[in-house]
């Protein structure tokens, strides 16, 4: 026997007390609906909307990801 029920989408927990969370959202990615941007921002993520596809391999996007990673590593090293 199977059961089906309708439920509201789950809410993401607030990330305010954690280190910054960077989300890279490709604007040409069929796997990432535009509605995610609002949900991630509401949860406290820093969302970077990129002019790229699912692979995120444009040089400007790779540089932005690298920059954010360096920033997070600096935060970790400083406490």
PDB file of N, CA and C in Angstrom:
ATOM      1  N   UNK A   1       0.845  -1.162   0.000  1.00  0.00           N
ATOM      2  CA  UNK A   1       0.000   0.000   0.000  1.00  0.00           C
ATOM      3  C   UNK A   1       0.899   1.236   0.000  1.00  0.00           C
ATOM      4  N   UNK A   2       0.548   2.231  -0.775  1.00  0.00           N
ATOM      5  CA  UNK A   2       1.338   3.465  -0.868  1.00  0.00           C
ATOM      6  C   UNK A   2       0.478   4.651  -0.450  1.00  0.00           C
ATOM      7  N   UNK A   3       1.142   5.674   0.029  1.00  0.00           N
ATOM      8  CA  UNK A   3       0.438   6.895   0.438  1.00  0.00           C
ATOM      9  C   UNK A   3       1.125   8.096  -0.194  1.00  0.00           C
ATOM     10  N   UNK A   4       0.331   9.057  -0.575  1.00  0.00           N
ATOM     11  CA  UNK A   4       0.846  10.281  -1.166  1.00  0.00           C
ATOM     12  C   UNK A   4       0.260  11.454  -0.394  1.00  0.00           C
ATOM     13  N   UNK A   5       1.100  12.410  -0.062  1.00  0.00           N
ATOM     14  CA  UNK A   5       0.588  13.592   0.622  1.00  0.00           C
ATOM     15  C   UNK A   5       1.281  14.833   0.079  1.00  0.00           C
ATOM     16  N   UNK A   6       0.627  15.956   0.205  1.00  0.00           N
ATOM     17  CA  UNK A   6       1.189  17.229  -0.233  1.00  0.00           C
ATOM     18  C   UNK A   6       1.709  17.972   0.986  1.00  0.00           C
ATOM     19  N   UNK A   7       2.911  18.491   0.870  1.00  0.00           N
ATOM     20  CA  UNK A   7       3.518  19.221   1.976  1.00  0.00           C
ATOM     21  C   UNK A   7       4.162  20.486   1.426  1.00  0.00           C
ATOM     22  N   UNK A   8       4.259  21.523   2.234  1.00  0.00           N
ATOM     23  CA  UNK A   8       4.968  22.710   1.777  1.00  0.00           C
ATOM     24  C   UNK A   8       6.455  22.401   1.646  1.00  0.00           C
ATOM     25  N   UNK A   9       7.131  23.144   0.796  1.00  0.00           N
ATOM     26  CA  UNK A   9       8.569  22.911   0.631  1.00  0.00           C
ATOM     27  C   UNK A   9       9.284  23.226   1.938  1.00  0.00           C
ATOM     28  N   UNK A  10      10.341  22.492   2.245  1.00  0.00           N
ATOM     29  CA  UNK A  10      11.046  22.739   3.507  1.00  0.00           C
ATOM     30  C   UNK A  10      11.778  24.078   3.469  1.00  0.00           C
ATOM     31  N   UNK A  11      11.884  24.713   4.599  1.00  0.00           N
ATOM     32  CA  UNK A  11      12.610  25.976   4.715  1.00  0.00           C
ATOM     33  C   UNK A  11      14.060  25.676   5.059  1.00  0.00           C
ATOM     34  N   UNK A  12      14.974  26.411   4.449  1.00  0.00           N
ATOM     35  CA  UNK A  12      16.380  26.260   4.780  1.00  0.00           C
ATOM     36  C   UNK A  12      16.645  26.909   6.131  1.00  0.00           C
ATOM     37  N   UNK A  13      17.504  26.314   6.942  1.00  0.00           N
ATOM     38  CA  UNK A  13      17.814  26.931   8.236  1.00  0.00           C
ATOM     39  C   UNK A  13      18.594  28.225   8.030  1.00  0.00           C
ATOM     40  N   UNK A  14      18.488  29.130   8.972  1.00  0.00           N
ATOM     41  CA  UNK A  14      19.228  30.385   8.900  1.00  0.00           C
ATOM     42  C   UNK A  14      20.715  30.111   9.065  1.00  0.00           C
ATOM     43  N   UNK A  15      21.512  30.782   8.256  1.00  0.00           N
ATOM     44  CA  UNK A  15      22.953  30.584   8.294  1.00  0.00           C
ATOM     45  C   UNK A  15      23.670  31.763   8.948  1.00  0.00           C
ATOM     46  N   UNK A  16      22.936  32.628   9.620  1.00  0.00           N
ATOM     47  CA  UNK A  16      23.494  33.871  10.152  1.00  0.00           C
ATOM     48  C   UNK A  16      24.635  33.626  11.135  1.00  0.00           C
ATOM     49  N   UNK A  17      24.598  32.545  11.878  1.00  0.00           N
ATOM     50  CA  UNK A  17      25.630  32.324  12.888  1.00  0.00           C
ATOM     51  C   UNK A  17      26.824  31.536  12.352  1.00  0.00           C
ATOM     52  N   UNK A  18      26.807  31.165  11.092  1.00  0.00           N
ATOM     53  CA  UNK A  18      27.872  30.383  10.483  1.00  0.00           C
ATOM     54  C   UNK A  18      28.742  31.266   9.584  1.00  0.00           C
ATOM     55  N   UNK A  19      29.817  30.706   9.111  1.00  0.00           N
ATOM     56  CA  UNK A  19      30.665  31.389   8.133  1.00  0.00           C
ATOM     57  C   UNK A  19      29.838  31.691   6.891  1.00  0.00           C
ATOM     58  N   UNK A  20      30.280  32.632   6.090  1.00  0.00           N
ATOM     59  CA  UNK A  20      29.517  32.916   4.869  1.00  0.00           C
ATOM     60  C   UNK A  20      29.387  31.666   3.994  1.00  0.00           C
ATOM     61  N   UNK A  21      28.221  31.522   3.402  1.00  0.00           N
ATOM     62  CA  UNK A  21      27.983  30.436   2.459  1.00  0.00           C
ATOM     63  C   UNK A  21      27.772  31.074   1.100  1.00  0.00           C
ATOM     64  N   UNK A  22      28.628  30.718   0.147  1.00  0.00           N
ATOM     65  CA  UNK A  22      28.541  31.265  -1.205  1.00  0.00           C
ATOM     66  C   UNK A  22      27.877  30.235  -2.108  1.00  0.00           C
ATOM     67  N   UNK A  23      26.864  30.653  -2.834  1.00  0.00           N
ATOM     68  CA  UNK A  23      26.176  29.792  -3.790  1.00  0.00           C
ATOM     69  C   UNK A  23      26.367  30.409  -5.168  1.00  0.00           C
ATOM     70  N   UNK A  24      26.837  29.606  -6.104  1.00  0.00           N
ATOM     71  CA  UNK A  24      27.044  30.067  -7.478  1.00  0.00           C
ATOM     72  C   UNK A  24      25.930  29.498  -8.332  1.00  0.00           C
ATOM     73  N   UNK A  25      25.115  30.396  -8.861  1.00  0.00           N
ATOM     74  CA  UNK A  25      23.919  30.025  -9.626  1.00  0.00           C
ATOM     75  C   UNK A  25      24.136  30.414 -11.087  1.00  0.00           C
ATOM     76  N   UNK A  26      24.191  29.422 -11.950  1.00  0.00           N
ATOM     77  CA  UNK A  26      24.357  29.680 -13.385  1.00  0.00           C
ATOM     78  C   UNK A  26      23.016  30.069 -13.989  1.00  0.00           C
ATOM     79  N   UNK A  27      23.004  31.181 -14.709  1.00  0.00           N
ATOM     80  CA  UNK A  27      21.730  31.637 -15.285  1.00  0.00           C
ATOM     81  C   UNK A  27      21.305  30.833 -16.510  1.00  0.00           C
ATOM     82  N   UNK A  28      22.182  29.958 -17.015  1.00  0.00           N
ATOM     83  CA  UNK A  28      21.845  29.123 -18.174  1.00  0.00           C
ATOM     84  C   UNK A  28      21.925  27.649 -17.774  1.00  0.00           C
ATOM     85  N   UNK A  29      21.337  27.318 -16.635  1.00  0.00           N
ATOM     86  CA  UNK A  29      21.386  25.956 -16.116  1.00  0.00           C
ATOM     87  C   UNK A  29      19.974  25.457 -15.862  1.00  0.00           C
ATOM     88  N   UNK A  30      19.557  24.496 -16.656  1.00  0.00           N
ATOM     89  CA  UNK A  30      18.222  23.936 -16.509  1.00  0.00           C
ATOM     90  C   UNK A  30      18.002  23.189 -15.202  1.00  0.00           C
ATOM     91  N   UNK A  31      19.086  22.822 -14.515  1.00  0.00           N
ATOM     92  CA  UNK A  31      18.985  22.110 -13.246  1.00  0.00           C
ATOM     93  C   UNK A  31      18.773  23.052 -12.065  1.00  0.00           C
ATOM     94  N   UNK A  32      18.973  24.343 -12.268  1.00  0.00           N
ATOM     95  CA  UNK A  32      18.896  25.318 -11.173  1.00  0.00           C
ATOM     96  C   UNK A  32      17.803  26.342 -11.455  1.00  0.00           C
ATOM     97  N   UNK A  33      16.609  26.114 -10.969  1.00  0.00           N
ATOM     98  CA  UNK A  33      15.521  27.060 -11.228  1.00  0.00           C
ATOM     99  C   UNK A  33      15.798  28.421 -10.579  1.00  0.00           C
ATOM    100  N   UNK A  34      15.333  29.461 -11.208  1.00  0.00           N
ATOM    101  CA  UNK A  34      15.547  30.836 -10.731  1.00  0.00           C
ATOM    102  C   UNK A  34      15.013  31.041  -9.316  1.00  0.00           C
ATOM    103  N   UNK A  35      13.977  30.309  -8.937  1.00  0.00           N
ATOM    104  CA  UNK A  35      13.393  30.452  -7.593  1.00  0.00           C
ATOM    105  C   UNK A  35      14.391  30.119  -6.491  1.00  0.00           C
ATOM    106  N   UNK A  36      15.403  29.325  -6.804  1.00  0.00           N
ATOM    107  CA  UNK A  36      16.408  28.972  -5.805  1.00  0.00           C
ATOM    108  C   UNK A  36      17.155  30.200  -5.295  1.00  0.00           C
ATOM    109  N   UNK A  37      17.352  31.174  -6.153  1.00  0.00           N
ATOM    110  CA  UNK A  37      18.114  32.367  -5.775  1.00  0.00           C
ATOM    111  C   UNK A  37      17.460  33.020  -4.553  1.00  0.00           C
ATOM    112  N   UNK A  38      16.166  33.227  -4.612  1.00  0.00           N
ATOM    113  CA  UNK A  38      15.441  33.839  -3.497  1.00  0.00           C
ATOM    114  C   UNK A  38      15.539  32.977  -2.239  1.00  0.00           C
ATOM    115  N   UNK A  39      15.371  31.671  -2.388  1.00  0.00           N
ATOM    116  CA  UNK A  39      15.415  30.767  -1.237  1.00  0.00           C
ATOM    117  C   UNK A  39      16.784  30.788  -0.567  1.00  0.00           C
ATOM    118  N   UNK A  40      17.844  30.758  -1.357  1.00  0.00           N
ATOM    119  CA  UNK A  40      19.189  30.787  -0.785  1.00  0.00           C
ATOM    120  C   UNK A  40      19.472  32.131  -0.114  1.00  0.00           C
ATOM    121  N   UNK A  41      19.059  33.214  -0.736  1.00  0.00           N
ATOM    122  CA  UNK A  41      19.274  34.532  -0.127  1.00  0.00           C
ATOM    123  C   UNK A  41      18.485  34.667   1.178  1.00  0.00           C
ATOM    124  N   UNK A  42      17.263  34.176   1.194  1.00  0.00           N
ATOM    125  CA  UNK A  42      16.442  34.216   2.399  1.00  0.00           C
ATOM    126  C   UNK A  42      17.104  33.437   3.539  1.00  0.00           C
ATOM    127  N   UNK A  43      17.789  32.356   3.198  1.00  0.00           N
ATOM    128  CA  UNK A  43      18.468  31.540   4.204  1.00  0.00           C
ATOM    129  C   UNK A  43      19.781  32.169   4.665  1.00  0.00           C
ATOM    130  N   UNK A  44      20.205  33.259   4.023  1.00  0.00           N
ATOM    131  CA  UNK A  44      21.422  33.938   4.443  1.00  0.00           C
ATOM    132  C   UNK A  44      22.643  33.660   3.588  1.00  0.00           C
ATOM    133  N   UNK A  45      22.462  32.955   2.499  1.00  0.00           N
ATOM    134  CA  UNK A  45      23.589  32.674   1.598  1.00  0.00           C
ATOM    135  C   UNK A  45      23.915  33.899   0.759  1.00  0.00           C
ATOM    136  N   UNK A  46      25.172  34.011   0.386  1.00  0.00           N
ATOM    137  CA  UNK A  46      25.568  35.025  -0.588  1.00  0.00           C
ATOM    138  C   UNK A  46      25.499  34.362  -1.955  1.00  0.00           C
ATOM    139  N   UNK A  47      24.537  34.781  -2.764  1.00  0.00           N
ATOM    140  CA  UNK A  47      24.302  34.142  -4.056  1.00  0.00           C
ATOM    141  C   UNK A  47      24.984  34.946  -5.160  1.00  0.00           C
ATOM    142  N   UNK A  48      25.759  34.242  -5.961  1.00  0.00           N
ATOM    143  CA  UNK A  48      26.430  34.844  -7.102  1.00  0.00           C
ATOM    144  C   UNK A  48      25.750  34.299  -8.360  1.00  0.00           C
ATOM    145  N   UNK A  49      25.000  35.139  -9.054  1.00  0.00           N
ATOM    146  CA  UNK A  49      24.352  34.714 -10.292  1.00  0.00           C
ATOM    147  C   UNK A  49      25.369  34.903 -11.411  1.00  0.00           C
ATOM    148  N   UNK A  50      25.712  33.811 -12.082  1.00  0.00           N
ATOM    149  CA  UNK A  50      26.789  33.808 -13.074  1.00  0.00           C
ATOM    150  C   UNK A  50      26.247  33.622 -14.475  1.00  0.00           C
ATOM    151  N   UNK A  51      26.852  34.302 -15.405  1.00  0.00           N
ATOM    152  CA  UNK A  51      26.516  34.104 -16.821  1.00  0.00           C
ATOM    153  C   UNK A  51      27.283  32.893 -17.314  1.00  0.00           C
ATOM    154  N   UNK A  52      26.730  31.722 -17.044  1.00  0.00           N
ATOM    155  CA  UNK A  52      27.412  30.474 -17.373  1.00  0.00           C
ATOM    156  C   UNK A  52      26.374  29.360 -17.419  1.00  0.00           C
ATOM    157  N   UNK A  53      26.842  28.135 -17.693  1.00  0.00           N
ATOM    158  CA  UNK A  53      25.949  26.982 -17.692  1.00  0.00           C
ATOM    159  C   UNK A  53      26.256  26.103 -16.480  1.00  0.00           C
ATOM    160  N   UNK A  54      25.724  24.896 -16.467  1.00  0.00           N
ATOM    161  CA  UNK A  54      25.825  23.998 -15.316  1.00  0.00           C
ATOM    162  C   UNK A  54      27.270  23.719 -14.878  1.00  0.00           C
ATOM    163  N   UNK A  55      28.190  23.731 -15.807  1.00  0.00           N
ATOM    164  CA  UNK A  55      29.575  23.352 -15.518  1.00  0.00           C
ATOM    165  C   UNK A  55      30.337  24.449 -14.770  1.00  0.00           C
ATOM    166  N   UNK A  56      29.915  25.707 -14.904  1.00  0.00           N
ATOM    167  CA  UNK A  56      30.569  26.845 -14.253  1.00  0.00           C
ATOM    168  C   UNK A  56      32.070  26.890 -14.576  1.00  0.00           C
ATOM    169  N   UNK A  57      32.395  26.917 -15.862  1.00  0.00           N
ATOM    170  CA  UNK A  57      33.811  26.885 -16.242  1.00  0.00           C
ATOM    171  C   UNK A  57      34.287  28.152 -16.966  1.00  0.00           C
ATOM    172  N   UNK A  58      33.445  29.175 -17.087  1.00  0.00           N
ATOM    173  CA  UNK A  58      33.925  30.430 -17.671  1.00  0.00           C
ATOM    174  C   UNK A  58      35.015  30.991 -16.781  1.00  0.00           C
ATOM    175  N   UNK A  59      36.018  31.607 -17.385  1.00  0.00           N
ATOM    176  CA  UNK A  59      37.156  32.091 -16.604  1.00  0.00           C
ATOM    177  C   UNK A  59      36.738  33.103 -15.538  1.00  0.00           C
ATOM    178  N   UNK A  60      35.770  33.952 -15.837  1.00  0.00           N
ATOM    179  CA  UNK A  60      35.323  34.941 -14.849  1.00  0.00           C
ATOM    180  C   UNK A  60      34.655  34.262 -13.651  1.00  0.00           C
ATOM    181  N   UNK A  61      33.931  33.176 -13.904  1.00  0.00           N
ATOM    182  CA  UNK A  61      33.253  32.446 -12.827  1.00  0.00           C
ATOM    183  C   UNK A  61      34.272  31.679 -11.986  1.00  0.00           C
ATOM    184  N   UNK A  62      35.230  31.046 -12.647  1.00  0.00           N
ATOM    185  CA  UNK A  62      36.279  30.323 -11.927  1.00  0.00           C
ATOM    186  C   UNK A  62      37.054  31.293 -11.040  1.00  0.00           C
ATOM    187  N   UNK A  63      37.332  32.489 -11.541  1.00  0.00           N
ATOM    188  CA  UNK A  63      38.046  33.485 -10.742  1.00  0.00           C
ATOM    189  C   UNK A  63      37.209  33.918  -9.538  1.00  0.00           C
ATOM    190  N   UNK A  64      35.901  34.082  -9.711  1.00  0.00           N
ATOM    191  CA  UNK A  64      35.028  34.466  -8.600  1.00  0.00           C
ATOM    192  C   UNK A  64      34.968  33.361  -7.550  1.00  0.00           C
ATOM    193  N   UNK A  65      34.866  32.122  -7.993  1.00  0.00           N
ATOM    194  CA  UNK A  65      34.862  30.991  -7.056  1.00  0.00           C
ATOM    195  C   UNK A  65      36.185  30.951  -6.298  1.00  0.00           C
ATOM    196  N   UNK A  66      37.285  31.116  -6.994  1.00  0.00           N
ATOM    197  CA  UNK A  66      38.611  31.120  -6.362  1.00  0.00           C
ATOM    198  C   UNK A  66      38.739  32.246  -5.353  1.00  0.00           C
ATOM    199  N   UNK A  67      38.227  33.404  -5.697  1.00  0.00           N
ATOM    200  CA  UNK A  67      38.282  34.557  -4.803  1.00  0.00           C
ATOM    201  C   UNK A  67      37.490  34.282  -3.517  1.00  0.00           C
ATOM    202  N   UNK A  68      36.318  33.720  -3.654  1.00  0.00           N
ATOM    203  CA  UNK A  68      35.497  33.398  -2.477  1.00  0.00           C
ATOM    204  C   UNK A  68      36.173  32.333  -1.623  1.00  0.00           C
ATOM    205  N   UNK A  69      36.778  31.345  -2.260  1.00  0.00           N
ATOM    206  CA  UNK A  69      37.478  30.303  -1.514  1.00  0.00           C
ATOM    207  C   UNK A  69      38.655  30.901  -0.737  1.00  0.00           C
ATOM    208  N   UNK A  70      39.425  31.780  -1.373  1.00  0.00           N
ATOM    209  CA  UNK A  70      40.535  32.435  -0.672  1.00  0.00           C
ATOM    210  C   UNK A  70      40.023  33.230   0.523  1.00  0.00           C
ATOM    211  N   UNK A  71      38.907  33.911   0.345  1.00  0.00           N
ATOM    212  CA  UNK A  71      38.313  34.692   1.429  1.00  0.00           C
ATOM    213  C   UNK A  71      37.895  33.796   2.599  1.00  0.00           C
ATOM    214  N   UNK A  72      37.267  32.679   2.296  1.00  0.00           N
ATOM    215  CA  UNK A  72      36.854  31.738   3.351  1.00  0.00           C
ATOM    216  C   UNK A  72      38.061  31.131   4.062  1.00  0.00           C
ATOM    217  N   UNK A  73      39.109  30.840   3.325  1.00  0.00           N
ATOM    218  CA  UNK A  73      40.315  30.288   3.944  1.00  0.00           C
ATOM    219  C   UNK A  73      40.983  31.315   4.844  1.00  0.00           C
ATOM    220  N   UNK A  74      40.950  32.575   4.435  1.00  0.00           N
ATOM    221  CA  UNK A  74      41.503  33.645   5.273  1.00  0.00           C
ATOM    222  C   UNK A  74      40.698  33.785   6.560  1.00  0.00           C
ATOM    223  N   UNK A  75      39.362  33.730   6.448  1.00  0.00           N
ATOM    224  CA  UNK A  75      38.516  33.785   7.647  1.00  0.00           C
ATOM    225  C   UNK A  75      38.818  32.626   8.593  1.00  0.00           C
ATOM    226  N   UNK A  76      39.014  31.436   8.040  1.00  0.00           N
ATOM    227  CA  UNK A  76      39.302  30.265   8.871  1.00  0.00           C
ATOM    228  C   UNK A  76      40.656  30.398   9.559  1.00  0.00           C
ATOM    229  N   UNK A  77      41.630  30.927   8.843  1.00  0.00           N
ATOM    230  CA  UNK A  77      42.974  31.070   9.411  1.00  0.00           C
ATOM    231  C   UNK A  77      43.012  32.118  10.523  1.00  0.00           C
ATOM    232  N   UNK A  78      42.134  33.108  10.429  1.00  0.00           N
ATOM    233  CA  UNK A  78      42.113  34.193  11.408  1.00  0.00           C
ATOM    234  C   UNK A  78      41.158  33.931  12.580  1.00  0.00           C
ATOM    235  N   UNK A  79      40.565  32.784  12.599  1.00  0.00           N
ATOM    236  CA  UNK A  79      39.719  32.472  13.750  1.00  0.00           C
ATOM    237  C   UNK A  79      38.328  32.261  13.391  1.00  0.00           C
TER     238      UNK A  79
END
